[in-house]
Amino acid sequence: MEAAAAGRDMFEEIVMAEERFHGEGYQEGYADGSHVGVVEGRRYGSLLGAKIGSEIGFYLGFALTWQCLFQKCTDEKNNKKRRALDYLIRMIQKFPYEDPTYDKLQEDLEKIRGKFKQHKDILW
């Protein structure tokens, strides 16, 4: 009777080995995939953040350059352009560089892009 029980236990171990190895493999694969996902996500986030930062920097440089060019101009037409540039600069300065979890990040970026395009068409 004990031999039959031992035979069943050994048979059960063999049958259950596949399930156990499957579970262990899943856990190892999940852990490895999570680690790779974090590394890849960090790299992609850094790249995307650098692109956005470069774009915002370009817009700020554009606005500051034109603002400097309009400092000596005192007529009403150029004053309107200067005020519009001041607004664009304020928008850029309020942009949340340090907070990637800001929920309106894309919305604010689109507003800045729109203002830039508007000013670009007016100034050129």
N, C-alpha and C. Protein backbone atom coordinates (compact mmCIF):
# COMPACT_ATOMS: atom_id res chain seq x y z
N MET A 1 0.82 -1.17 0.00
CA MET A 1 0.00 0.00 0.00
C MET A 1 0.87 1.25 0.00
N GLU A 2 1.90 1.24 0.79
CA GLU A 2 2.82 2.37 0.83
C GLU A 2 3.54 2.53 -0.50
N ALA A 3 3.87 1.44 -1.14
CA ALA A 3 4.54 1.50 -2.44
C ALA A 3 3.62 2.12 -3.48
N ALA A 4 2.33 1.81 -3.42
CA ALA A 4 1.37 2.39 -4.36
C ALA A 4 1.22 3.89 -4.12
N ALA A 5 1.21 4.29 -2.84
CA ALA A 5 1.10 5.71 -2.50
C ALA A 5 2.35 6.46 -2.95
N ALA A 6 3.51 5.84 -2.75
CA ALA A 6 4.76 6.46 -3.17
C ALA A 6 4.80 6.58 -4.69
N GLY A 7 4.27 5.57 -5.40
CA GLY A 7 4.22 5.61 -6.86
C GLY A 7 3.31 6.71 -7.35
N ARG A 8 2.18 6.88 -6.65
CA ARG A 8 1.24 7.94 -7.03
C ARG A 8 1.86 9.33 -6.78
N ASP A 9 2.57 9.48 -5.64
CA ASP A 9 3.21 10.74 -5.33
C ASP A 9 4.26 11.09 -6.38
N MET A 10 5.04 10.07 -6.79
CA MET A 10 6.06 10.30 -7.80
C MET A 10 5.40 10.66 -9.14
N PHE A 11 4.33 9.97 -9.47
CA PHE A 11 3.61 10.25 -10.71
C PHE A 11 2.99 11.66 -10.65
N GLU A 12 2.45 12.02 -9.51
CA GLU A 12 1.86 13.34 -9.33
C GLU A 12 2.91 14.44 -9.46
N GLU A 13 4.11 14.19 -8.92
CA GLU A 13 5.20 15.15 -9.05
C GLU A 13 5.56 15.36 -10.50
N ILE A 14 5.60 14.30 -11.26
CA ILE A 14 5.94 14.40 -12.68
C ILE A 14 4.87 15.18 -13.42
N VAL A 15 3.61 14.88 -13.14
CA VAL A 15 2.51 15.57 -13.80
C VAL A 15 2.48 17.05 -13.41
N MET A 16 2.69 17.31 -12.16
CA MET A 16 2.62 18.69 -11.65
C MET A 16 3.89 19.50 -11.98
N ALA A 17 4.95 18.84 -12.38
CA ALA A 17 6.20 19.54 -12.70
C ALA A 17 5.99 20.54 -13.84
N GLU A 18 5.23 20.13 -14.84
CA GLU A 18 4.98 21.03 -15.96
C GLU A 18 4.26 22.30 -15.48
N GLU A 19 3.27 22.13 -14.66
CA GLU A 19 2.53 23.27 -14.14
C GLU A 19 3.43 24.16 -13.26
N ARG A 20 4.24 23.52 -12.42
CA ARG A 20 5.14 24.27 -11.55
C ARG A 20 6.17 25.04 -12.37
N PHE A 21 6.78 24.37 -13.37
CA PHE A 21 7.77 25.04 -14.22
C PHE A 21 7.12 26.16 -15.04
N HIS A 22 5.91 25.92 -15.47
CA HIS A 22 5.19 26.96 -16.21
C HIS A 22 4.99 28.19 -15.32
N GLY A 23 4.58 27.98 -14.10
CA GLY A 23 4.38 29.08 -13.14
C GLY A 23 5.68 29.80 -12.83
N GLU A 24 6.76 29.04 -12.61
CA GLU A 24 8.05 29.66 -12.32
C GLU A 24 8.56 30.45 -13.53
N GLY A 25 8.39 29.87 -14.71
CA GLY A 25 8.82 30.55 -15.94
C GLY A 25 8.03 31.83 -16.16
N TYR A 26 6.75 31.76 -15.87
CA TYR A 26 5.92 32.96 -16.01
C TYR A 26 6.41 34.05 -15.08
N GLN A 27 6.65 33.70 -13.82
CA GLN A 27 7.11 34.69 -12.84
C GLN A 27 8.45 35.30 -13.25
N GLU A 28 9.39 34.47 -13.69
CA GLU A 28 10.69 34.98 -14.13
C GLU A 28 10.54 35.88 -15.36
N GLY A 29 9.74 35.44 -16.30
CA GLY A 29 9.51 36.24 -17.52
C GLY A 29 8.82 37.56 -17.21
N TYR A 30 7.87 37.52 -16.30
CA TYR A 30 7.17 38.75 -15.91
C TYR A 30 8.13 39.73 -15.25
N ALA A 31 8.98 39.23 -14.36
CA ALA A 31 9.95 40.09 -13.68
C ALA A 31 10.95 40.68 -14.68
N ASP A 32 11.46 39.85 -15.59
CA ASP A 32 12.40 40.34 -16.60
C ASP A 32 11.72 41.35 -17.52
N GLY A 33 10.50 41.06 -17.95
CA GLY A 33 9.76 41.96 -18.83
C GLY A 33 9.46 43.29 -18.16
N SER A 34 9.14 43.23 -16.88
CA SER A 34 8.87 44.48 -16.14
C SER A 34 10.12 45.34 -16.07
N HIS A 35 11.24 44.72 -15.80
CA HIS A 35 12.50 45.46 -15.72
C HIS A 35 12.84 46.08 -17.07
N VAL A 36 12.74 45.30 -18.13
CA VAL A 36 13.04 45.81 -19.47
C VAL A 36 12.06 46.91 -19.84
N GLY A 37 10.79 46.76 -19.46
CA GLY A 37 9.79 47.78 -19.75
C GLY A 37 10.08 49.10 -19.06
N VAL A 38 10.54 49.03 -17.81
CA VAL A 38 10.89 50.25 -17.08
C VAL A 38 12.07 50.94 -17.74
N VAL A 39 13.08 50.17 -18.10
CA VAL A 39 14.27 50.74 -18.74
C VAL A 39 13.89 51.36 -20.08
N GLU A 40 13.12 50.65 -20.88
CA GLU A 40 12.72 51.15 -22.19
C GLU A 40 11.81 52.38 -22.04
N GLY A 41 10.91 52.35 -21.07
CA GLY A 41 10.04 53.49 -20.82
C GLY A 41 10.81 54.72 -20.39
N ARG A 42 11.81 54.53 -19.54
CA ARG A 42 12.63 55.65 -19.10
C ARG A 42 13.40 56.25 -20.28
N ARG A 43 13.95 55.39 -21.12
CA ARG A 43 14.70 55.86 -22.28
C ARG A 43 13.78 56.62 -23.24
N TYR A 44 12.60 56.08 -23.50
CA TYR A 44 11.65 56.73 -24.41
C TYR A 44 11.17 58.06 -23.81
N GLY A 45 10.90 58.07 -22.51
CA GLY A 45 10.47 59.30 -21.85
C GLY A 45 11.53 60.37 -21.90
N SER A 46 12.78 59.99 -21.71
CA SER A 46 13.87 60.96 -21.78
C SER A 46 14.00 61.53 -23.19
N LEU A 47 13.88 60.67 -24.18
CA LEU A 47 13.97 61.12 -25.57
C LEU A 47 12.82 62.08 -25.91
N LEU A 48 11.62 61.70 -25.53
CA LEU A 48 10.46 62.54 -25.83
C LEU A 48 10.55 63.86 -25.05
N GLY A 49 10.98 63.79 -23.81
CA GLY A 49 11.14 65.01 -23.01
C GLY A 49 12.18 65.95 -23.63
N ALA A 50 13.26 65.38 -24.14
CA ALA A 50 14.29 66.20 -24.78
C ALA A 50 13.75 66.87 -26.04
N LYS A 51 12.94 66.14 -26.80
CA LYS A 51 12.36 66.73 -28.01
C LYS A 51 11.42 67.88 -27.66
N ILE A 52 10.59 67.68 -26.65
CA ILE A 52 9.66 68.73 -26.25
C ILE A 52 10.44 69.93 -25.71
N GLY A 53 11.45 69.66 -24.90
CA GLY A 53 12.27 70.75 -24.38
C GLY A 53 12.96 71.54 -25.47
N SER A 54 13.45 70.85 -26.47
CA SER A 54 14.10 71.52 -27.60
C SER A 54 13.09 72.36 -28.37
N GLU A 55 11.92 71.83 -28.58
CA GLU A 55 10.87 72.56 -29.29
C GLU A 55 10.47 73.83 -28.53
N ILE A 56 10.24 73.68 -27.23
CA ILE A 56 9.85 74.83 -26.40
C ILE A 56 10.99 75.86 -26.37
N GLY A 57 12.22 75.39 -26.29
CA GLY A 57 13.37 76.30 -26.32
C GLY A 57 13.45 77.08 -27.62
N PHE A 58 13.15 76.41 -28.72
CA PHE A 58 13.14 77.09 -30.02
C PHE A 58 12.09 78.19 -30.03
N TYR A 59 10.88 77.88 -29.53
CA TYR A 59 9.81 78.88 -29.49
C TYR A 59 10.19 80.07 -28.62
N LEU A 60 10.81 79.80 -27.49
CA LEU A 60 11.23 80.87 -26.60
C LEU A 60 12.30 81.74 -27.25
N GLY A 61 13.27 81.10 -27.90
CA GLY A 61 14.30 81.86 -28.61
C GLY A 61 13.72 82.72 -29.71
N PHE A 62 12.77 82.18 -30.45
CA PHE A 62 12.07 82.93 -31.50
C PHE A 62 11.41 84.17 -30.90
N ALA A 63 10.64 83.97 -29.84
CA ALA A 63 9.88 85.06 -29.23
C ALA A 63 10.81 86.12 -28.63
N LEU A 64 11.85 85.69 -27.95
CA LEU A 64 12.78 86.65 -27.34
C LEU A 64 13.54 87.44 -28.39
N THR A 65 13.90 86.80 -29.47
CA THR A 65 14.61 87.49 -30.55
C THR A 65 13.72 88.57 -31.17
N TRP A 66 12.49 88.22 -31.49
CA TRP A 66 11.58 89.21 -32.07
C TRP A 66 11.23 90.30 -31.06
N GLN A 67 11.14 89.93 -29.80
CA GLN A 67 10.87 90.93 -28.77
C GLN A 67 12.00 91.96 -28.72
N CYS A 68 13.23 91.50 -28.81
CA CYS A 68 14.38 92.42 -28.83
C CYS A 68 14.35 93.31 -30.06
N LEU A 69 13.94 92.76 -31.20
CA LEU A 69 13.87 93.54 -32.43
C LEU A 69 12.79 94.63 -32.35
N PHE A 70 11.72 94.37 -31.61
CA PHE A 70 10.62 95.33 -31.50
C PHE A 70 10.80 96.33 -30.36
N GLN A 71 11.85 96.24 -29.57
CA GLN A 71 12.03 97.15 -28.44
C GLN A 71 12.14 98.60 -28.88
N LYS A 72 12.79 98.85 -29.99
CA LYS A 72 13.01 100.22 -30.44
C LYS A 72 11.83 100.77 -31.24
N CYS A 73 10.92 99.89 -31.63
CA CYS A 73 9.77 100.32 -32.42
C CYS A 73 8.66 100.76 -31.46
N THR A 74 8.09 101.94 -31.72
CA THR A 74 7.09 102.48 -30.81
C THR A 74 5.71 102.64 -31.44
N ASP A 75 5.56 102.34 -32.71
CA ASP A 75 4.25 102.51 -33.34
C ASP A 75 3.26 101.44 -32.85
N GLU A 76 1.98 101.72 -33.02
CA GLU A 76 0.92 100.86 -32.48
C GLU A 76 0.95 99.45 -33.08
N LYS A 77 1.22 99.36 -34.35
CA LYS A 77 1.24 98.05 -35.02
C LYS A 77 2.29 97.14 -34.37
N ASN A 78 3.47 97.67 -34.14
CA ASN A 78 4.53 96.87 -33.53
C ASN A 78 4.29 96.63 -32.04
N ASN A 79 3.59 97.55 -31.38
CA ASN A 79 3.24 97.34 -29.97
C ASN A 79 2.30 96.14 -29.82
N LYS A 80 1.37 95.97 -30.76
CA LYS A 80 0.47 94.81 -30.73
C LYS A 80 1.27 93.52 -30.90
N LYS A 81 2.22 93.56 -31.82
CA LYS A 81 3.06 92.37 -32.04
C LYS A 81 3.89 92.07 -30.80
N ARG A 82 4.41 93.11 -30.17
CA ARG A 82 5.22 92.92 -28.98
C ARG A 82 4.37 92.34 -27.82
N ARG A 83 3.15 92.86 -27.67
CA ARG A 83 2.26 92.31 -26.63
C ARG A 83 1.92 90.85 -26.91
N ALA A 84 1.72 90.52 -28.17
CA ALA A 84 1.43 89.13 -28.53
C ALA A 84 2.64 88.24 -28.23
N LEU A 85 3.83 88.74 -28.50
CA LEU A 85 5.05 87.99 -28.17
C LEU A 85 5.21 87.84 -26.66
N ASP A 86 4.86 88.88 -25.91
CA ASP A 86 4.91 88.80 -24.44
C ASP A 86 3.99 87.68 -23.94
N TYR A 87 2.81 87.58 -24.56
CA TYR A 87 1.88 86.53 -24.17
C TYR A 87 2.46 85.15 -24.45
N LEU A 88 3.07 84.98 -25.62
CA LEU A 88 3.70 83.70 -25.95
C LEU A 88 4.81 83.38 -24.96
N ILE A 89 5.61 84.36 -24.61
CA ILE A 89 6.70 84.14 -23.64
C ILE A 89 6.14 83.73 -22.29
N ARG A 90 5.06 84.39 -21.85
CA ARG A 90 4.44 84.01 -20.57
C ARG A 90 3.91 82.58 -20.62
N MET A 91 3.31 82.20 -21.75
CA MET A 91 2.81 80.82 -21.89
C MET A 91 3.95 79.82 -21.75
N ILE A 92 5.06 80.12 -22.40
CA ILE A 92 6.22 79.23 -22.36
C ILE A 92 6.80 79.16 -20.95
N GLN A 93 6.87 80.30 -20.28
CA GLN A 93 7.43 80.32 -18.93
C GLN A 93 6.53 79.59 -17.93
N LYS A 94 5.23 79.53 -18.19
CA LYS A 94 4.31 78.81 -17.30
C LYS A 94 4.27 77.31 -17.60
N PHE A 95 4.87 76.91 -18.70
CA PHE A 95 4.83 75.49 -19.09
C PHE A 95 5.51 74.65 -18.02
N PRO A 96 4.88 73.56 -17.59
CA PRO A 96 5.40 72.75 -16.47
C PRO A 96 6.53 71.79 -16.89
N TYR A 97 7.74 72.31 -16.98
CA TYR A 97 8.89 71.49 -17.37
C TYR A 97 9.17 70.36 -16.38
N GLU A 98 8.98 70.63 -15.12
CA GLU A 98 9.39 69.71 -14.06
C GLU A 98 8.35 68.65 -13.72
N ASP A 99 7.14 68.77 -14.24
CA ASP A 99 6.05 67.87 -13.85
C ASP A 99 5.55 67.05 -15.03
N PRO A 100 6.10 65.85 -15.25
CA PRO A 100 5.65 65.04 -16.38
C PRO A 100 4.25 64.44 -16.18
N THR A 101 3.72 64.52 -14.96
CA THR A 101 2.39 63.98 -14.70
C THR A 101 1.30 65.03 -14.85
N TYR A 102 1.67 66.24 -15.24
CA TYR A 102 0.70 67.33 -15.44
C TYR A 102 -0.31 66.88 -16.47
N ASP A 103 -1.59 66.90 -16.10
CA ASP A 103 -2.61 66.31 -16.96
C ASP A 103 -2.94 67.12 -18.21
N LYS A 104 -2.58 68.38 -18.26
CA LYS A 104 -2.86 69.20 -19.45
C LYS A 104 -1.58 69.52 -20.22
N LEU A 105 -0.57 68.69 -20.08
CA LEU A 105 0.72 68.93 -20.73
C LEU A 105 0.56 69.02 -22.24
N GLN A 106 -0.08 68.04 -22.84
CA GLN A 106 -0.25 68.04 -24.30
C GLN A 106 -1.13 69.20 -24.75
N GLU A 107 -2.15 69.49 -23.98
CA GLU A 107 -3.06 70.58 -24.32
C GLU A 107 -2.32 71.92 -24.31
N ASP A 108 -1.52 72.17 -23.27
CA ASP A 108 -0.75 73.41 -23.19
C ASP A 108 0.30 73.48 -24.30
N LEU A 109 0.92 72.34 -24.61
CA LEU A 109 1.91 72.31 -25.69
C LEU A 109 1.26 72.66 -27.02
N GLU A 110 0.06 72.15 -27.26
CA GLU A 110 -0.66 72.47 -28.50
C GLU A 110 -1.01 73.96 -28.56
N LYS A 111 -1.36 74.54 -27.43
CA LYS A 111 -1.66 75.98 -27.40
C LYS A 111 -0.42 76.80 -27.75
N ILE A 112 0.72 76.40 -27.20
CA ILE A 112 1.97 77.10 -27.49
C ILE A 112 2.32 76.95 -28.96
N ARG A 113 2.15 75.75 -29.50
CA ARG A 113 2.43 75.54 -30.93
C ARG A 113 1.53 76.42 -31.79
N GLY A 114 0.27 76.50 -31.41
CA GLY A 114 -0.67 77.33 -32.17
C GLY A 114 -0.30 78.80 -32.13
N LYS A 115 0.06 79.29 -30.95
CA LYS A 115 0.48 80.69 -30.82
C LYS A 115 1.74 80.95 -31.62
N PHE A 116 2.67 80.01 -31.59
CA PHE A 116 3.90 80.18 -32.37
C PHE A 116 3.58 80.29 -33.86
N LYS A 117 2.74 79.39 -34.35
CA LYS A 117 2.39 79.41 -35.77
C LYS A 117 1.70 80.72 -36.14
N GLN A 118 0.84 81.19 -35.25
CA GLN A 118 0.15 82.45 -35.48
C GLN A 118 1.15 83.60 -35.57
N HIS A 119 2.09 83.66 -34.64
CA HIS A 119 3.08 84.74 -34.63
C HIS A 119 4.05 84.62 -35.81
N LYS A 120 4.39 83.41 -36.12
CA LYS A 120 5.32 83.19 -37.25
C LYS A 120 4.70 83.75 -38.53
N ASP A 121 3.43 83.48 -38.74
CA ASP A 121 2.76 83.96 -39.95
C ASP A 121 2.64 85.48 -39.95
N ILE A 122 2.44 86.08 -38.80
CA ILE A 122 2.31 87.53 -38.71
C ILE A 122 3.66 88.22 -38.94
N LEU A 123 4.72 87.64 -38.37
CA LEU A 123 6.02 88.30 -38.37
C LEU A 123 6.80 88.08 -39.67
N TRP A 124 6.57 86.97 -40.33
CA TRP A 124 7.37 86.71 -41.53
C TRP A 124 6.65 87.14 -42.75
